[in-house]
PDBML (XML) file of the C-alpha atoms, coordinates in Angstrom:
<?xml version="1.0" encoding="UTF-8" ?>
<PDBx:datablock datablockName="MODEL"
   xmlns:PDBx="http://pdbml.pdb.org/schema/pdbx-v50.xsd"
   xmlns:xsi="http://www.w3.org/2001/XMLSchema-instance"
   xsi:schemaLocation="http://pdbml.pdb.org/schema/pdbx-v50.xsd pdbx-v50.xsd">
   <PDBx:atom_siteCategory>
      <PDBx:atom_site id="1">
         <PDBx:B_iso_or_equiv>0.00</PDBx:B_iso_or_equiv>
         <PDBx:Cartn_x>117.720</PDBx:Cartn_x>
         <PDBx:Cartn_y>114.956</PDBx:Cartn_y>
         <PDBx:Cartn_z>103.957</PDBx:Cartn_z>
         <PDBx:auth_asym_id>A</PDBx:auth_asym_id>
         <PDBx:auth_atom_id>CA</PDBx:auth_atom_id>
         <PDBx:auth_comp_id>ILE</PDBx:auth_comp_id>
         <PDBx:auth_seq_id>1</PDBx:auth_seq_id>
         <PDBx:group_PDB>ATOM</PDBx:group_PDB>
         <PDBx:label_alt_id xsi:nil="true" />
         <PDBx:label_asym_id>A</PDBx:label_asym_id>
         <PDBx:label_atom_id>CA</PDBx:label_atom_id>
         <PDBx:label_comp_id>ILE</PDBx:label_comp_id>
         <PDBx:label_entity_id>1</PDBx:label_entity_id>
         <PDBx:label_seq_id>1</PDBx:label_seq_id>
         <PDBx:occupancy>1.00</PDBx:occupancy>
         <PDBx:pdbx_PDB_model_num>1</PDBx:pdbx_PDB_model_num>
         <PDBx:type_symbol>C</PDBx:type_symbol>
      </PDBx:atom_site>
      <PDBx:atom_site id="2">
         <PDBx:B_iso_or_equiv>0.00</PDBx:B_iso_or_equiv>
         <PDBx:Cartn_x>116.342</PDBx:Cartn_x>
         <PDBx:Cartn_y>111.449</PDBx:Cartn_y>
         <PDBx:Cartn_z>103.981</PDBx:Cartn_z>
         <PDBx:auth_asym_id>A</PDBx:auth_asym_id>
         <PDBx:auth_atom_id>CA</PDBx:auth_atom_id>
         <PDBx:auth_comp_id>MET</PDBx:auth_comp_id>
         <PDBx:auth_seq_id>2</PDBx:auth_seq_id>
         <PDBx:group_PDB>ATOM</PDBx:group_PDB>
         <PDBx:label_alt_id xsi:nil="true" />
         <PDBx:label_asym_id>A</PDBx:label_asym_id>
         <PDBx:label_atom_id>CA</PDBx:label_atom_id>
         <PDBx:label_comp_id>MET</PDBx:label_comp_id>
         <PDBx:label_entity_id>1</PDBx:label_entity_id>
         <PDBx:label_seq_id>2</PDBx:label_seq_id>
         <PDBx:occupancy>1.00</PDBx:occupancy>
         <PDBx:pdbx_PDB_model_num>1</PDBx:pdbx_PDB_model_num>
         <PDBx:type_symbol>C</PDBx:type_symbol>
      </PDBx:atom_site>
      <PDBx:atom_site id="3">
         <PDBx:B_iso_or_equiv>0.00</PDBx:B_iso_or_equiv>
         <PDBx:Cartn_x>116.546</PDBx:Cartn_x>
         <PDBx:Cartn_y>109.211</PDBx:Cartn_y>
         <PDBx:Cartn_z>101.169</PDBx:Cartn_z>
         <PDBx:auth_asym_id>A</PDBx:auth_asym_id>
         <PDBx:auth_atom_id>CA</PDBx:auth_atom_id>
         <PDBx:auth_comp_id>HIS</PDBx:auth_comp_id>
         <PDBx:auth_seq_id>3</PDBx:auth_seq_id>
         <PDBx:group_PDB>ATOM</PDBx:group_PDB>
         <PDBx:label_alt_id xsi:nil="true" />
         <PDBx:label_asym_id>A</PDBx:label_asym_id>
         <PDBx:label_atom_id>CA</PDBx:label_atom_id>
         <PDBx:label_comp_id>HIS</PDBx:label_comp_id>
         <PDBx:label_entity_id>1</PDBx:label_entity_id>
         <PDBx:label_seq_id>3</PDBx:label_seq_id>
         <PDBx:occupancy>1.00</PDBx:occupancy>
         <PDBx:pdbx_PDB_model_num>1</PDBx:pdbx_PDB_model_num>
         <PDBx:type_symbol>C</PDBx:type_symbol>
      </PDBx:atom_site>
      <PDBx:atom_site id="4">
         <PDBx:B_iso_or_equiv>0.00</PDBx:B_iso_or_equiv>
         <PDBx:Cartn_x>113.989</PDBx:Cartn_x>
         <PDBx:Cartn_y>106.292</PDBx:Cartn_y>
         <PDBx:Cartn_z>101.591</PDBx:Cartn_z>
         <PDBx:auth_asym_id>A</PDBx:auth_asym_id>
         <PDBx:auth_atom_id>CA</PDBx:auth_atom_id>
         <PDBx:auth_comp_id>GLY</PDBx:auth_comp_id>
         <PDBx:auth_seq_id>4</PDBx:auth_seq_id>
         <PDBx:group_PDB>ATOM</PDBx:group_PDB>
         <PDBx:label_alt_id xsi:nil="true" />
         <PDBx:label_asym_id>A</PDBx:label_asym_id>
         <PDBx:label_atom_id>CA</PDBx:label_atom_id>
         <PDBx:label_comp_id>GLY</PDBx:label_comp_id>
         <PDBx:label_entity_id>1</PDBx:label_entity_id>
         <PDBx:label_seq_id>4</PDBx:label_seq_id>
         <PDBx:occupancy>1.00</PDBx:occupancy>
         <PDBx:pdbx_PDB_model_num>1</PDBx:pdbx_PDB_model_num>
         <PDBx:type_symbol>C</PDBx:type_symbol>
      </PDBx:atom_site>
      <PDBx:atom_site id="5">
         <PDBx:B_iso_or_equiv>0.00</PDBx:B_iso_or_equiv>
         <PDBx:Cartn_x>113.563</PDBx:Cartn_x>
         <PDBx:Cartn_y>103.009</PDBx:Cartn_y>
         <PDBx:Cartn_z>99.618</PDBx:Cartn_z>
         <PDBx:auth_asym_id>A</PDBx:auth_asym_id>
         <PDBx:auth_atom_id>CA</PDBx:auth_atom_id>
         <PDBx:auth_comp_id>TRP</PDBx:auth_comp_id>
         <PDBx:auth_seq_id>5</PDBx:auth_seq_id>
         <PDBx:group_PDB>ATOM</PDBx:group_PDB>
         <PDBx:label_alt_id xsi:nil="true" />
         <PDBx:label_asym_id>A</PDBx:label_asym_id>
         <PDBx:label_atom_id>CA</PDBx:label_atom_id>
         <PDBx:label_comp_id>TRP</PDBx:label_comp_id>
         <PDBx:label_entity_id>1</PDBx:label_entity_id>
         <PDBx:label_seq_id>5</PDBx:label_seq_id>
         <PDBx:occupancy>1.00</PDBx:occupancy>
         <PDBx:pdbx_PDB_model_num>1</PDBx:pdbx_PDB_model_num>
         <PDBx:type_symbol>C</PDBx:type_symbol>
      </PDBx:atom_site>
      <PDBx:atom_site id="6">
         <PDBx:B_iso_or_equiv>0.00</PDBx:B_iso_or_equiv>
         <PDBx:Cartn_x>110.484</PDBx:Cartn_x>
         <PDBx:Cartn_y>101.822</PDBx:Cartn_y>
         <PDBx:Cartn_z>98.445</PDBx:Cartn_z>
         <PDBx:auth_asym_id>A</PDBx:auth_asym_id>
         <PDBx:auth_atom_id>CA</PDBx:auth_atom_id>
         <PDBx:auth_comp_id>ALA</PDBx:auth_comp_id>
         <PDBx:auth_seq_id>6</PDBx:auth_seq_id>
         <PDBx:group_PDB>ATOM</PDBx:group_PDB>
         <PDBx:label_alt_id xsi:nil="true" />
         <PDBx:label_asym_id>A</PDBx:label_asym_id>
         <PDBx:label_atom_id>CA</PDBx:label_atom_id>
         <PDBx:label_comp_id>ALA</PDBx:label_comp_id>
         <PDBx:label_entity_id>1</PDBx:label_entity_id>
         <PDBx:label_seq_id>6</PDBx:label_seq_id>
         <PDBx:occupancy>1.00</PDBx:occupancy>
         <PDBx:pdbx_PDB_model_num>1</PDBx:pdbx_PDB_model_num>
         <PDBx:type_symbol>C</PDBx:type_symbol>
      </PDBx:atom_site>
      <PDBx:atom_site id="7">
         <PDBx:B_iso_or_equiv>0.00</PDBx:B_iso_or_equiv>
         <PDBx:Cartn_x>109.880</PDBx:Cartn_x>
         <PDBx:Cartn_y>97.982</PDBx:Cartn_y>
         <PDBx:Cartn_z>97.984</PDBx:Cartn_z>
         <PDBx:auth_asym_id>A</PDBx:auth_asym_id>
         <PDBx:auth_atom_id>CA</PDBx:auth_atom_id>
         <PDBx:auth_comp_id>THR</PDBx:auth_comp_id>
         <PDBx:auth_seq_id>7</PDBx:auth_seq_id>
         <PDBx:group_PDB>ATOM</PDBx:group_PDB>
         <PDBx:label_alt_id xsi:nil="true" />
         <PDBx:label_asym_id>A</PDBx:label_asym_id>
         <PDBx:label_atom_id>CA</PDBx:label_atom_id>
         <PDBx:label_comp_id>THR</PDBx:label_comp_id>
         <PDBx:label_entity_id>1</PDBx:label_entity_id>
         <PDBx:label_seq_id>7</PDBx:label_seq_id>
         <PDBx:occupancy>1.00</PDBx:occupancy>
         <PDBx:pdbx_PDB_model_num>1</PDBx:pdbx_PDB_model_num>
         <PDBx:type_symbol>C</PDBx:type_symbol>
      </PDBx:atom_site>
      <PDBx:atom_site id="8">
         <PDBx:B_iso_or_equiv>0.00</PDBx:B_iso_or_equiv>
         <PDBx:Cartn_x>106.710</PDBx:Cartn_x>
         <PDBx:Cartn_y>96.615</PDBx:Cartn_y>
         <PDBx:Cartn_z>96.421</PDBx:Cartn_z>
         <PDBx:auth_asym_id>A</PDBx:auth_asym_id>
         <PDBx:auth_atom_id>CA</PDBx:auth_atom_id>
         <PDBx:auth_comp_id>ILE</PDBx:auth_comp_id>
         <PDBx:auth_seq_id>8</PDBx:auth_seq_id>
         <PDBx:group_PDB>ATOM</PDBx:group_PDB>
         <PDBx:label_alt_id xsi:nil="true" />
         <PDBx:label_asym_id>A</PDBx:label_asym_id>
         <PDBx:label_atom_id>CA</PDBx:label_atom_id>
         <PDBx:label_comp_id>ILE</PDBx:label_comp_id>
         <PDBx:label_entity_id>1</PDBx:label_entity_id>
         <PDBx:label_seq_id>8</PDBx:label_seq_id>
         <PDBx:occupancy>1.00</PDBx:occupancy>
         <PDBx:pdbx_PDB_model_num>1</PDBx:pdbx_PDB_model_num>
         <PDBx:type_symbol>C</PDBx:type_symbol>
      </PDBx:atom_site>
      <PDBx:atom_site id="9">
         <PDBx:B_iso_or_equiv>0.00</PDBx:B_iso_or_equiv>
         <PDBx:Cartn_x>107.407</PDBx:Cartn_x>
         <PDBx:Cartn_y>93.127</PDBx:Cartn_y>
         <PDBx:Cartn_z>95.573</PDBx:Cartn_z>
         <PDBx:auth_asym_id>A</PDBx:auth_asym_id>
         <PDBx:auth_atom_id>CA</PDBx:auth_atom_id>
         <PDBx:auth_comp_id>GLY</PDBx:auth_comp_id>
         <PDBx:auth_seq_id>9</PDBx:auth_seq_id>
         <PDBx:group_PDB>ATOM</PDBx:group_PDB>
         <PDBx:label_alt_id xsi:nil="true" />
         <PDBx:label_asym_id>A</PDBx:label_asym_id>
         <PDBx:label_atom_id>CA</PDBx:label_atom_id>
         <PDBx:label_comp_id>GLY</PDBx:label_comp_id>
         <PDBx:label_entity_id>1</PDBx:label_entity_id>
         <PDBx:label_seq_id>9</PDBx:label_seq_id>
         <PDBx:occupancy>1.00</PDBx:occupancy>
         <PDBx:pdbx_PDB_model_num>1</PDBx:pdbx_PDB_model_num>
         <PDBx:type_symbol>C</PDBx:type_symbol>
      </PDBx:atom_site>
      <PDBx:atom_site id="10">
         <PDBx:B_iso_or_equiv>0.00</PDBx:B_iso_or_equiv>
         <PDBx:Cartn_x>106.933</PDBx:Cartn_x>
         <PDBx:Cartn_y>92.003</PDBx:Cartn_y>
         <PDBx:Cartn_z>92.013</PDBx:Cartn_z>
         <PDBx:auth_asym_id>A</PDBx:auth_asym_id>
         <PDBx:auth_atom_id>CA</PDBx:auth_atom_id>
         <PDBx:auth_comp_id>THR</PDBx:auth_comp_id>
         <PDBx:auth_seq_id>10</PDBx:auth_seq_id>
         <PDBx:group_PDB>ATOM</PDBx:group_PDB>
         <PDBx:label_alt_id xsi:nil="true" />
         <PDBx:label_asym_id>A</PDBx:label_asym_id>
         <PDBx:label_atom_id>CA</PDBx:label_atom_id>
         <PDBx:label_comp_id>THR</PDBx:label_comp_id>
         <PDBx:label_entity_id>1</PDBx:label_entity_id>
         <PDBx:label_seq_id>10</PDBx:label_seq_id>
         <PDBx:occupancy>1.00</PDBx:occupancy>
         <PDBx:pdbx_PDB_model_num>1</PDBx:pdbx_PDB_model_num>
         <PDBx:type_symbol>C</PDBx:type_symbol>
      </PDBx:atom_site>
      <PDBx:atom_site id="11">
         <PDBx:B_iso_or_equiv>0.00</PDBx:B_iso_or_equiv>
         <PDBx:Cartn_x>104.887</PDBx:Cartn_x>
         <PDBx:Cartn_y>94.548</PDBx:Cartn_y>
         <PDBx:Cartn_z>90.102</PDBx:Cartn_z>
         <PDBx:auth_asym_id>A</PDBx:auth_asym_id>
         <PDBx:auth_atom_id>CA</PDBx:auth_atom_id>
         <PDBx:auth_comp_id>PRO</PDBx:auth_comp_id>
         <PDBx:auth_seq_id>11</PDBx:auth_seq_id>
         <PDBx:group_PDB>ATOM</PDBx:group_PDB>
         <PDBx:label_alt_id xsi:nil="true" />
         <PDBx:label_asym_id>A</PDBx:label_asym_id>
         <PDBx:label_atom_id>CA</PDBx:label_atom_id>
         <PDBx:label_comp_id>PRO</PDBx:label_comp_id>
         <PDBx:label_entity_id>1</PDBx:label_entity_id>
         <PDBx:label_seq_id>11</PDBx:label_seq_id>
         <PDBx:occupancy>1.00</PDBx:occupancy>
         <PDBx:pdbx_PDB_model_num>1</PDBx:pdbx_PDB_model_num>
         <PDBx:type_symbol>C</PDBx:type_symbol>
      </PDBx:atom_site>
      <PDBx:atom_site id="12">
         <PDBx:B_iso_or_equiv>0.00</PDBx:B_iso_or_equiv>
         <PDBx:Cartn_x>102.155</PDBx:Cartn_x>
         <PDBx:Cartn_y>93.362</PDBx:Cartn_y>
         <PDBx:Cartn_z>87.437</PDBx:Cartn_z>
         <PDBx:auth_asym_id>A</PDBx:auth_asym_id>
         <PDBx:auth_atom_id>CA</PDBx:auth_atom_id>
         <PDBx:auth_comp_id>PRO</PDBx:auth_comp_id>
         <PDBx:auth_seq_id>12</PDBx:auth_seq_id>
         <PDBx:group_PDB>ATOM</PDBx:group_PDB>
         <PDBx:label_alt_id xsi:nil="true" />
         <PDBx:label_asym_id>A</PDBx:label_asym_id>
         <PDBx:label_atom_id>CA</PDBx:label_atom_id>
         <PDBx:label_comp_id>PRO</PDBx:label_comp_id>
         <PDBx:label_entity_id>1</PDBx:label_entity_id>
         <PDBx:label_seq_id>12</PDBx:label_seq_id>
         <PDBx:occupancy>1.00</PDBx:occupancy>
         <PDBx:pdbx_PDB_model_num>1</PDBx:pdbx_PDB_model_num>
         <PDBx:type_symbol>C</PDBx:type_symbol>
      </PDBx:atom_site>
      <PDBx:atom_site id="13">
         <PDBx:B_iso_or_equiv>0.00</PDBx:B_iso_or_equiv>
         <PDBx:Cartn_x>102.769</PDBx:Cartn_x>
         <PDBx:Cartn_y>93.859</PDBx:Cartn_y>
         <PDBx:Cartn_z>83.928</PDBx:Cartn_z>
         <PDBx:auth_asym_id>A</PDBx:auth_asym_id>
         <PDBx:auth_atom_id>CA</PDBx:auth_atom_id>
         <PDBx:auth_comp_id>PRO</PDBx:auth_comp_id>
         <PDBx:auth_seq_id>13</PDBx:auth_seq_id>
         <PDBx:group_PDB>ATOM</PDBx:group_PDB>
         <PDBx:label_alt_id xsi:nil="true" />
         <PDBx:label_asym_id>A</PDBx:label_asym_id>
         <PDBx:label_atom_id>CA</PDBx:label_atom_id>
         <PDBx:label_comp_id>PRO</PDBx:label_comp_id>
         <PDBx:label_entity_id>1</PDBx:label_entity_id>
         <PDBx:label_seq_id>13</PDBx:label_seq_id>
         <PDBx:occupancy>1.00</PDBx:occupancy>
         <PDBx:pdbx_PDB_model_num>1</PDBx:pdbx_PDB_model_num>
         <PDBx:type_symbol>C</PDBx:type_symbol>
      </PDBx:atom_site>
      <PDBx:atom_site id="14">
         <PDBx:B_iso_or_equiv>0.00</PDBx:B_iso_or_equiv>
         <PDBx:Cartn_x>101.526</PDBx:Cartn_x>
         <PDBx:Cartn_y>97.427</PDBx:Cartn_y>
         <PDBx:Cartn_z>83.069</PDBx:Cartn_z>
         <PDBx:auth_asym_id>A</PDBx:auth_asym_id>
         <PDBx:auth_atom_id>CA</PDBx:auth_atom_id>
         <PDBx:auth_comp_id>VAL</PDBx:auth_comp_id>
         <PDBx:auth_seq_id>14</PDBx:auth_seq_id>
         <PDBx:group_PDB>ATOM</PDBx:group_PDB>
         <PDBx:label_alt_id xsi:nil="true" />
         <PDBx:label_asym_id>A</PDBx:label_asym_id>
         <PDBx:label_atom_id>CA</PDBx:label_atom_id>
         <PDBx:label_comp_id>VAL</PDBx:label_comp_id>
         <PDBx:label_entity_id>1</PDBx:label_entity_id>
         <PDBx:label_seq_id>14</PDBx:label_seq_id>
         <PDBx:occupancy>1.00</PDBx:occupancy>
         <PDBx:pdbx_PDB_model_num>1</PDBx:pdbx_PDB_model_num>
         <PDBx:type_symbol>C</PDBx:type_symbol>
      </PDBx:atom_site>
      <PDBx:atom_site id="15">
         <PDBx:B_iso_or_equiv>0.00</PDBx:B_iso_or_equiv>
         <PDBx:Cartn_x>101.898</PDBx:Cartn_x>
         <PDBx:Cartn_y>99.191</PDBx:Cartn_y>
         <PDBx:Cartn_z>79.791</PDBx:Cartn_z>
         <PDBx:auth_asym_id>A</PDBx:auth_asym_id>
         <PDBx:auth_atom_id>CA</PDBx:auth_atom_id>
         <PDBx:auth_comp_id>SER</PDBx:auth_comp_id>
         <PDBx:auth_seq_id>15</PDBx:auth_seq_id>
         <PDBx:group_PDB>ATOM</PDBx:group_PDB>
         <PDBx:label_alt_id xsi:nil="true" />
         <PDBx:label_asym_id>A</PDBx:label_asym_id>
         <PDBx:label_atom_id>CA</PDBx:label_atom_id>
         <PDBx:label_comp_id>SER</PDBx:label_comp_id>
         <PDBx:label_entity_id>1</PDBx:label_entity_id>
         <PDBx:label_seq_id>15</PDBx:label_seq_id>
         <PDBx:occupancy>1.00</PDBx:occupancy>
         <PDBx:pdbx_PDB_model_num>1</PDBx:pdbx_PDB_model_num>
         <PDBx:type_symbol>C</PDBx:type_symbol>
      </PDBx:atom_site>
      <PDBx:atom_site id="16">
         <PDBx:B_iso_or_equiv>0.00</PDBx:B_iso_or_equiv>
         <PDBx:Cartn_x>104.261</PDBx:Cartn_x>
         <PDBx:Cartn_y>102.099</PDBx:Cartn_y>
         <PDBx:Cartn_z>79.914</PDBx:Cartn_z>
         <PDBx:auth_asym_id>A</PDBx:auth_asym_id>
         <PDBx:auth_atom_id>CA</PDBx:auth_atom_id>
         <PDBx:auth_comp_id>GLY</PDBx:auth_comp_id>
         <PDBx:auth_seq_id>16</PDBx:auth_seq_id>
         <PDBx:group_PDB>ATOM</PDBx:group_PDB>
         <PDBx:label_alt_id xsi:nil="true" />
         <PDBx:label_asym_id>A</PDBx:label_asym_id>
         <PDBx:label_atom_id>CA</PDBx:label_atom_id>
         <PDBx:label_comp_id>GLY</PDBx:label_comp_id>
         <PDBx:label_entity_id>1</PDBx:label_entity_id>
         <PDBx:label_seq_id>16</PDBx:label_seq_id>
         <PDBx:occupancy>1.00</PDBx:occupancy>
         <PDBx:pdbx_PDB_model_num>1</PDBx:pdbx_PDB_model_num>
         <PDBx:type_symbol>C</PDBx:type_symbol>
      </PDBx:atom_site>
      <PDBx:atom_site id="17">
         <PDBx:B_iso_or_equiv>0.00</PDBx:B_iso_or_equiv>
         <PDBx:Cartn_x>105.717</PDBx:Cartn_x>
         <PDBx:Cartn_y>101.027</PDBx:Cartn_y>
         <PDBx:Cartn_z>83.172</PDBx:Cartn_z>
         <PDBx:auth_asym_id>A</PDBx:auth_asym_id>
         <PDBx:auth_atom_id>CA</PDBx:auth_atom_id>
         <PDBx:auth_comp_id>VAL</PDBx:auth_comp_id>
         <PDBx:auth_seq_id>17</PDBx:auth_seq_id>
         <PDBx:group_PDB>ATOM</PDBx:group_PDB>
         <PDBx:label_alt_id xsi:nil="true" />
         <PDBx:label_asym_id>A</PDBx:label_asym_id>
         <PDBx:label_atom_id>CA</PDBx:label_atom_id>
         <PDBx:label_comp_id>VAL</PDBx:label_comp_id>
         <PDBx:label_entity_id>1</PDBx:label_entity_id>
         <PDBx:label_seq_id>17</PDBx:label_seq_id>
         <PDBx:occupancy>1.00</PDBx:occupancy>
         <PDBx:pdbx_PDB_model_num>1</PDBx:pdbx_PDB_model_num>
         <PDBx:type_symbol>C</PDBx:type_symbol>
      </PDBx:atom_site>
      <PDBx:atom_site id="18">
         <PDBx:B_iso_or_equiv>0.00</PDBx:B_iso_or_equiv>
         <PDBx:Cartn_x>109.236</PDBx:Cartn_x>
         <PDBx:Cartn_y>99.222</PDBx:Cartn_y>
         <PDBx:Cartn_z>83.106</PDBx:Cartn_z>
         <PDBx:auth_asym_id>A</PDBx:auth_asym_id>
         <PDBx:auth_atom_id>CA</PDBx:auth_atom_id>
         <PDBx:auth_comp_id>PRO</PDBx:auth_comp_id>
         <PDBx:auth_seq_id>18</PDBx:auth_seq_id>
         <PDBx:group_PDB>ATOM</PDBx:group_PDB>
         <PDBx:label_alt_id xsi:nil="true" />
         <PDBx:label_asym_id>A</PDBx:label_asym_id>
         <PDBx:label_atom_id>CA</PDBx:label_atom_id>
         <PDBx:label_comp_id>PRO</PDBx:label_comp_id>
         <PDBx:label_entity_id>1</PDBx:label_entity_id>
         <PDBx:label_seq_id>18</PDBx:label_seq_id>
         <PDBx:occupancy>1.00</PDBx:occupancy>
         <PDBx:pdbx_PDB_model_num>1</PDBx:pdbx_PDB_model_num>
         <PDBx:type_symbol>C</PDBx:type_symbol>
      </PDBx:atom_site>
      <PDBx:atom_site id="19">
         <PDBx:B_iso_or_equiv>0.00</PDBx:B_iso_or_equiv>
         <PDBx:Cartn_x>109.792</PDBx:Cartn_x>
         <PDBx:Cartn_y>96.395</PDBx:Cartn_y>
         <PDBx:Cartn_z>85.210</PDBx:Cartn_z>
         <PDBx:auth_asym_id>A</PDBx:auth_asym_id>
         <PDBx:auth_atom_id>CA</PDBx:auth_atom_id>
         <PDBx:auth_comp_id>TYR</PDBx:auth_comp_id>
         <PDBx:auth_seq_id>19</PDBx:auth_seq_id>
         <PDBx:group_PDB>ATOM</PDBx:group_PDB>
         <PDBx:label_alt_id xsi:nil="true" />
         <PDBx:label_asym_id>A</PDBx:label_asym_id>
         <PDBx:label_atom_id>CA</PDBx:label_atom_id>
         <PDBx:label_comp_id>TYR</PDBx:label_comp_id>
         <PDBx:label_entity_id>1</PDBx:label_entity_id>
         <PDBx:label_seq_id>19</PDBx:label_seq_id>
         <PDBx:occupancy>1.00</PDBx:occupancy>
         <PDBx:pdbx_PDB_model_num>1</PDBx:pdbx_PDB_model_num>
         <PDBx:type_symbol>C</PDBx:type_symbol>
      </PDBx:atom_site>
      <PDBx:atom_site id="20">
         <PDBx:B_iso_or_equiv>0.00</PDBx:B_iso_or_equiv>
         <PDBx:Cartn_x>111.033</PDBx:Cartn_x>
         <PDBx:Cartn_y>97.237</PDBx:Cartn_y>
         <PDBx:Cartn_z>88.571</PDBx:Cartn_z>
         <PDBx:auth_asym_id>A</PDBx:auth_asym_id>
         <PDBx:auth_atom_id>CA</PDBx:auth_atom_id>
         <PDBx:auth_comp_id>TRP</PDBx:auth_comp_id>
         <PDBx:auth_seq_id>20</PDBx:auth_seq_id>
         <PDBx:group_PDB>ATOM</PDBx:group_PDB>
         <PDBx:label_alt_id xsi:nil="true" />
         <PDBx:label_asym_id>A</PDBx:label_asym_id>
         <PDBx:label_atom_id>CA</PDBx:label_atom_id>
         <PDBx:label_comp_id>TRP</PDBx:label_comp_id>
         <PDBx:label_entity_id>1</PDBx:label_entity_id>
         <PDBx:label_seq_id>20</PDBx:label_seq_id>
         <PDBx:occupancy>1.00</PDBx:occupancy>
         <PDBx:pdbx_PDB_model_num>1</PDBx:pdbx_PDB_model_num>
         <PDBx:type_symbol>C</PDBx:type_symbol>
      </PDBx:atom_site>
      <PDBx:atom_site id="21">
         <PDBx:B_iso_or_equiv>0.00</PDBx:B_iso_or_equiv>
         <PDBx:Cartn_x>110.791</PDBx:Cartn_x>
         <PDBx:Cartn_y>95.850</PDBx:Cartn_y>
         <PDBx:Cartn_z>92.314</PDBx:Cartn_z>
         <PDBx:auth_asym_id>A</PDBx:auth_asym_id>
         <PDBx:auth_atom_id>CA</PDBx:auth_atom_id>
         <PDBx:auth_comp_id>GLU</PDBx:auth_comp_id>
         <PDBx:auth_seq_id>21</PDBx:auth_seq_id>
         <PDBx:group_PDB>ATOM</PDBx:group_PDB>
         <PDBx:label_alt_id xsi:nil="true" />
         <PDBx:label_asym_id>A</PDBx:label_asym_id>
         <PDBx:label_atom_id>CA</PDBx:label_atom_id>
         <PDBx:label_comp_id>GLU</PDBx:label_comp_id>
         <PDBx:label_entity_id>1</PDBx:label_entity_id>
         <PDBx:label_seq_id>21</PDBx:label_seq_id>
         <PDBx:occupancy>1.00</PDBx:occupancy>
         <PDBx:pdbx_PDB_model_num>1</PDBx:pdbx_PDB_model_num>
         <PDBx:type_symbol>C</PDBx:type_symbol>
      </PDBx:atom_site>
      <PDBx:atom_site id="22">
         <PDBx:B_iso_or_equiv>0.00</PDBx:B_iso_or_equiv>
         <PDBx:Cartn_x>112.402</PDBx:Cartn_x>
         <PDBx:Cartn_y>98.733</PDBx:Cartn_y>
         <PDBx:Cartn_z>94.366</PDBx:Cartn_z>
         <PDBx:auth_asym_id>A</PDBx:auth_asym_id>
         <PDBx:auth_atom_id>CA</PDBx:auth_atom_id>
         <PDBx:auth_comp_id>GLN</PDBx:auth_comp_id>
         <PDBx:auth_seq_id>22</PDBx:auth_seq_id>
         <PDBx:group_PDB>ATOM</PDBx:group_PDB>
         <PDBx:label_alt_id xsi:nil="true" />
         <PDBx:label_asym_id>A</PDBx:label_asym_id>
         <PDBx:label_atom_id>CA</PDBx:label_atom_id>
         <PDBx:label_comp_id>GLN</PDBx:label_comp_id>
         <PDBx:label_entity_id>1</PDBx:label_entity_id>
         <PDBx:label_seq_id>22</PDBx:label_seq_id>
         <PDBx:occupancy>1.00</PDBx:occupancy>
         <PDBx:pdbx_PDB_model_num>1</PDBx:pdbx_PDB_model_num>
         <PDBx:type_symbol>C</PDBx:type_symbol>
      </PDBx:atom_site>
      <PDBx:atom_site id="23">
         <PDBx:B_iso_or_equiv>0.00</PDBx:B_iso_or_equiv>
         <PDBx:Cartn_x>113.242</PDBx:Cartn_x>
         <PDBx:Cartn_y>102.360</PDBx:Cartn_y>
         <PDBx:Cartn_z>93.920</PDBx:Cartn_z>
         <PDBx:auth_asym_id>A</PDBx:auth_asym_id>
         <PDBx:auth_atom_id>CA</PDBx:auth_atom_id>
         <PDBx:auth_comp_id>ALA</PDBx:auth_comp_id>
         <PDBx:auth_seq_id>23</PDBx:auth_seq_id>
         <PDBx:group_PDB>ATOM</PDBx:group_PDB>
         <PDBx:label_alt_id xsi:nil="true" />
         <PDBx:label_asym_id>A</PDBx:label_asym_id>
         <PDBx:label_atom_id>CA</PDBx:label_atom_id>
         <PDBx:label_comp_id>ALA</PDBx:label_comp_id>
         <PDBx:label_entity_id>1</PDBx:label_entity_id>
         <PDBx:label_seq_id>23</PDBx:label_seq_id>
         <PDBx:occupancy>1.00</PDBx:occupancy>
         <PDBx:pdbx_PDB_model_num>1</PDBx:pdbx_PDB_model_num>
         <PDBx:type_symbol>C</PDBx:type_symbol>
      </PDBx:atom_site>
      <PDBx:atom_site id="24">
         <PDBx:B_iso_or_equiv>0.00</PDBx:B_iso_or_equiv>
         <PDBx:Cartn_x>114.587</PDBx:Cartn_x>
         <PDBx:Cartn_y>105.326</PDBx:Cartn_y>
         <PDBx:Cartn_z>95.793</PDBx:Cartn_z>
         <PDBx:auth_asym_id>A</PDBx:auth_asym_id>
         <PDBx:auth_atom_id>CA</PDBx:auth_atom_id>
         <PDBx:auth_comp_id>HIS</PDBx:auth_comp_id>
         <PDBx:auth_seq_id>24</PDBx:auth_seq_id>
         <PDBx:group_PDB>ATOM</PDBx:group_PDB>
         <PDBx:label_alt_id xsi:nil="true" />
         <PDBx:label_asym_id>A</PDBx:label_asym_id>
         <PDBx:label_atom_id>CA</PDBx:label_atom_id>
         <PDBx:label_comp_id>HIS</PDBx:label_comp_id>
         <PDBx:label_entity_id>1</PDBx:label_entity_id>
         <PDBx:label_seq_id>24</PDBx:label_seq_id>
         <PDBx:occupancy>1.00</PDBx:occupancy>
         <PDBx:pdbx_PDB_model_num>1</PDBx:pdbx_PDB_model_num>
         <PDBx:type_symbol>C</PDBx:type_symbol>
      </PDBx:atom_site>
   </PDBx:atom_siteCategory>
</PDBx:datablock>
């Protein structure tokens, strides 16, 4: 099993999406 890491930089403010920059 591989657990990846998604990096996206600073996300734009979008209604309903909490602030985050990285996630599994």
